C-alpha atoms as a PDB file:
ATOM      1  CA  MET A   1      71.463  -9.914   2.016  1.00  0.00           C
ATOM      2  CA  ASN A   2      68.848 -12.785   3.457  1.00  0.00           C
ATOM      3  CA  LYS A   3      69.254 -16.644   3.877  1.00  0.00           C
ATOM      4  CA  ASN A   4      67.942 -17.310   0.444  1.00  0.00           C
ATOM      5  CA  ASP A   5      69.486 -14.567  -1.011  1.00  0.00           C
ATOM      6  CA  LYS A   6      72.717 -16.413   0.127  1.00  0.00           C
ATOM      7  CA  LYS A   7      71.658 -19.959  -0.875  1.00  0.00           C
ATOM      8  CA  LEU A   8      70.555 -18.872  -4.226  1.00  0.00           C
ATOM      9  CA  LEU A   9      73.724 -16.648  -5.136  1.00  0.00           C
ATOM     10  CA  LYS A  10      76.092 -20.143  -3.660  1.00  0.00           C
ATOM     11  CA  ILE A  11      74.157 -22.302  -6.222  1.00  0.00           C
ATOM     12  CA  TYR A  12      74.452 -19.895  -8.917  1.00  0.00           C
ATOM     13  CA  ASN A  13      78.378 -19.614  -8.464  1.00  0.00           C
ATOM     14  CA  GLN A  14      78.473 -23.479  -8.474  1.00  0.00           C
ATOM     15  CA  LEU A  15      76.941 -23.863 -11.781  1.00  0.00           C
ATOM     16  CA  THR A  16      78.824 -23.982 -15.209  1.00  0.00           C
ATOM     17  CA  GLU A  17      77.951 -20.982 -17.291  1.00  0.00           C
ATOM     18  CA  SER A  18      75.417 -22.780 -19.522  1.00  0.00           C
ATOM     19  CA  ALA A  19      73.687 -23.590 -16.574  1.00  0.00           C
ATOM     20  CA  GLN A  20      73.849 -19.850 -14.816  1.00  0.00           C
ATOM     21  CA  SER A  21      72.356 -18.817 -18.393  1.00  0.00           C
ATOM     22  CA  SER A  22      69.737 -21.826 -18.017  1.00  0.00           C
ATOM     23  CA  LEU A  23      68.780 -20.503 -14.313  1.00  0.00           C
ATOM     24  CA  MET A  24      68.463 -16.720 -15.596  1.00  0.00           C
ATOM     25  CA  ASP A  25      66.029 -17.824 -18.336  1.00  0.00           C
ATOM     26  CA  TYR A  26      63.853 -19.400 -15.701  1.00  0.00           C
ATOM     27  CA  ALA A  27      64.408 -16.611 -13.359  1.00  0.00           C
ATOM     28  CA  ASP A  28      63.335 -14.157 -16.548  1.00  0.00           C
ATOM     29  CA  PHE A  29      60.183 -16.592 -17.332  1.00  0.00           C
ATOM     30  CA  LEU A  30      59.233 -16.529 -13.590  1.00  0.00           C
ATOM     31  CA  LEU A  31      59.399 -12.925 -13.176  1.00  0.00           C
ATOM     32  CA  ASP A  32      57.361 -12.525 -16.055  1.00  0.00           C
ATOM     33  CA  LYS A  33      54.422 -14.811 -15.269  1.00  0.00           C
ATOM     34  CA  TYR A  34      54.714 -13.547 -11.035  1.00  0.00           C
ATOM     35  CA  PRO A  35      55.337  -9.786 -11.340  1.00  0.00           C
ATOM     36  CA  ASN A  36      56.651  -8.577  -7.968  1.00  0.00           C
ATOM     37  CA  VAL A  37      53.475  -6.334  -7.141  1.00  0.00           C
ATOM     38  CA  GLN A  38      55.638  -4.421  -4.102  1.00  0.00           C
ATOM     39  CA  GLU A  39      58.177  -3.755  -6.516  1.00  0.00           C
ATOM     40  CA  ALA A  40      54.970  -2.469  -8.964  1.00  0.00           C
ATOM     41  CA  GLN A  41      53.941  -0.145  -6.226  1.00  0.00           C
ATOM     42  CA  THR A  42      55.486   2.987  -6.031  1.00  0.00           C
ATOM     43  CA  GLU A  43      53.370   5.267  -3.745  1.00  0.00           C
ATOM     44  CA  PRO A  44      52.961   4.660   0.370  1.00  0.00           C
ATOM     45  CA  ASN A  45      49.815   2.981   1.617  1.00  0.00           C
ATOM     46  CA  PHE A  46      49.355   5.923   4.639  1.00  0.00           C
ATOM     47  CA  ILE A  47      48.472   3.931   7.789  1.00  0.00           C
ATOM     48  CA  PRO A  48      47.571   6.145  10.722  1.00  0.00           C
ATOM     49  CA  ARG A  49      49.741   5.739  13.852  1.00  0.00           C
ATOM     50  CA  PRO A  50      47.374   4.214  16.834  1.00  0.00           C
ATOM     51  CA  GLU A  51      47.496   6.733  19.821  1.00  0.00           C
ATOM     52  CA  LYS A  52      49.595   3.530  22.178  1.00  0.00           C
ATOM     53  CA  GLU A  53      51.373   1.548  19.846  1.00  0.00           C
ATOM     54  CA  SER A  54      54.186  -0.678  20.620  1.00  0.00           C
ATOM     55  CA  VAL A  55      57.994  -0.553  18.502  1.00  0.00           C
ATOM     56  CA  ILE A  56      57.261  -3.686  17.001  1.00  0.00           C
ATOM     57  CA  ALA A  57      53.810  -3.052  15.729  1.00  0.00           C
ATOM     58  CA  ALA A  58      55.116   0.569  14.301  1.00  0.00           C
ATOM     59  CA  ILE A  59      57.818  -1.413  12.253  1.00  0.00           C
ATOM     60  CA  LYS A  60      55.065  -3.770  11.083  1.00  0.00           C
ATOM     61  CA  ARG A  61      52.760  -0.499  10.071  1.00  0.00           C
ATOM     62  CA  LEU A  62      55.498   1.125   8.436  1.00  0.00           C
ATOM     63  CA  SER A  63      56.629  -1.727   6.488  1.00  0.00           C
ATOM     64  CA  ALA A  64      52.751  -1.934   4.924  1.00  0.00           C
ATOM     65  CA  THR A  65      53.011   1.733   4.723  1.00  0.00           C
ATOM     66  CA  TYR A  66      55.930   1.519   2.565  1.00  0.00           C
ATOM     67  CA  PRO A  67      56.078  -1.971   1.042  1.00  0.00           C
ATOM     68  CA  MET A  68      58.276  -1.032  -1.672  1.00  0.00           C
ATOM     69  CA  LEU A  69      61.044  -0.604   0.722  1.00  0.00           C
ATOM     70  CA  LYS A  70      63.865  -3.420   0.879  1.00  0.00           C
ATOM     71  CA  ASP A  71      63.253  -5.001   4.476  1.00  0.00           C
ATOM     72  CA  SER A  72      66.887  -5.220   4.459  1.00  0.00           C
ATOM     73  CA  SER A  73      68.282  -2.187   3.840  1.00  0.00           C
ATOM     74  CA  LEU A  74      66.004  -1.317   7.017  1.00  0.00           C
ATOM     75  CA  PHE A  75      66.778  -4.109   9.006  1.00  0.00           C
ATOM     76  CA  ASN A  76      70.202  -2.517  10.592  1.00  0.00           C
ATOM     77  CA  GLN A  77      68.906   0.960  11.485  1.00  0.00           C
ATOM     78  CA  THR A  78      65.794  -0.247  12.823  1.00  0.00           C
ATOM     79  CA  SER A  79      67.021  -3.052  15.014  1.00  0.00           C
ATOM     80  CA  THR A  80      69.691  -0.795  16.527  1.00  0.00           C
ATOM     81  CA  LEU A  81      66.887   1.765  17.881  1.00  0.00           C
ATOM     82  CA  MET A  82      64.695  -1.379  18.574  1.00  0.00           C
ATOM     83  CA  THR A  83      67.844  -2.874  20.785  1.00  0.00           C
ATOM     84  CA  GLN A  84      68.031   0.779  22.368  1.00  0.00           C
ATOM     85  CA  HIS A  85      64.256   0.404  23.191  1.00  0.00           C
ATOM     86  CA  ILE A  86      64.364  -2.876  24.674  1.00  0.00           C
ATOM     87  CA  MET A  87      67.706  -2.726  26.448  1.00  0.00           C
ATOM     88  CA  GLN A  88      68.307   0.881  27.371  1.00  0.00           C
ATOM     89  CA  GLY A  89      64.963   1.502  28.012  1.00  0.00           C
ATOM     90  CA  ARG A  90      64.385   4.538  25.473  1.00  0.00           C
ATOM     91  CA  GLU A  91      60.987   5.551  25.353  1.00  0.00           C
ATOM     92  CA  ALA A  92      58.550   3.541  22.803  1.00  0.00           C
ATOM     93  CA  SER A  93      56.766   6.772  21.399  1.00  0.00           C
ATOM     94  CA  ILE A  94      60.565   8.673  20.350  1.00  0.00           C
ATOM     95  CA  VAL A  95      61.785   4.964  19.023  1.00  0.00           C
ATOM     96  CA  ILE A  96      59.064   5.059  16.964  1.00  0.00           C
ATOM     97  CA  ASP A  97      59.467   9.123  15.726  1.00  0.00           C
ATOM     98  CA  GLU A  98      62.793   7.951  14.429  1.00  0.00           C
ATOM     99  CA  ILE A  99      61.717   4.853  12.386  1.00  0.00           C
ATOM    100  CA  GLU A 100      59.060   6.966  11.096  1.00  0.00           C
ATOM    101  CA  VAL A 101      61.965   9.127   9.978  1.00  0.00           C
ATOM    102  CA  ILE A 102      64.077   6.558   8.699  1.00  0.00           C
ATOM    103  CA  PHE A 103      61.300   4.881   7.025  1.00  0.00           C
ATOM    104  CA  GLN A 104      60.449   8.347   5.286  1.00  0.00           C
ATOM    105  CA  THR A 105      64.016   8.802   4.294  1.00  0.00           C
ATOM    106  CA  GLN A 106      64.383   5.596   2.738  1.00  0.00           C
ATOM    107  CA  TYR A 107      61.146   6.115   0.557  1.00  0.00           C
ATOM    108  CA  ALA A 108      62.897   9.532  -0.566  1.00  0.00           C
ATOM    109  CA  GLU A 109      65.644   8.199  -1.513  1.00  0.00           C
ATOM    110  CA  TYR A 110      63.880   5.420  -3.606  1.00  0.00           C
ATOM    111  CA  LYS A 111      61.619   7.826  -5.174  1.00  0.00           C
ATOM    112  CA  ASN A 112      64.871   9.872  -6.536  1.00  0.00           C
ATOM    113  CA  ASN A 113      66.276   6.713  -7.750  1.00  0.00           C
ATOM    114  CA  THR A 114      63.139   5.668  -9.537  1.00  0.00           C
END
């Protein structure tokens, strides 16, 4: 859960039941007015992997390839690999290969759930 999610939940929990209902009505209104394009997209935008790529660039590329995936679900796994690359000197290309597998696995799970 990101910072804004936590803040919104905290505010929501402090409201009366009537105010919570009003907030949900307003959220539904906003969702109708501004649909989430990323949620509507179900197919990846395959971006070719450059010959030389940093781990950070790979994560950005894969996030753009799979915009329908929630960043929070990938953060723990990718940050662990990023740390191994930076702190333990794991080769970037190997780490990127593993990150690609994580994104592909998350996408397969996403497809199974939709």
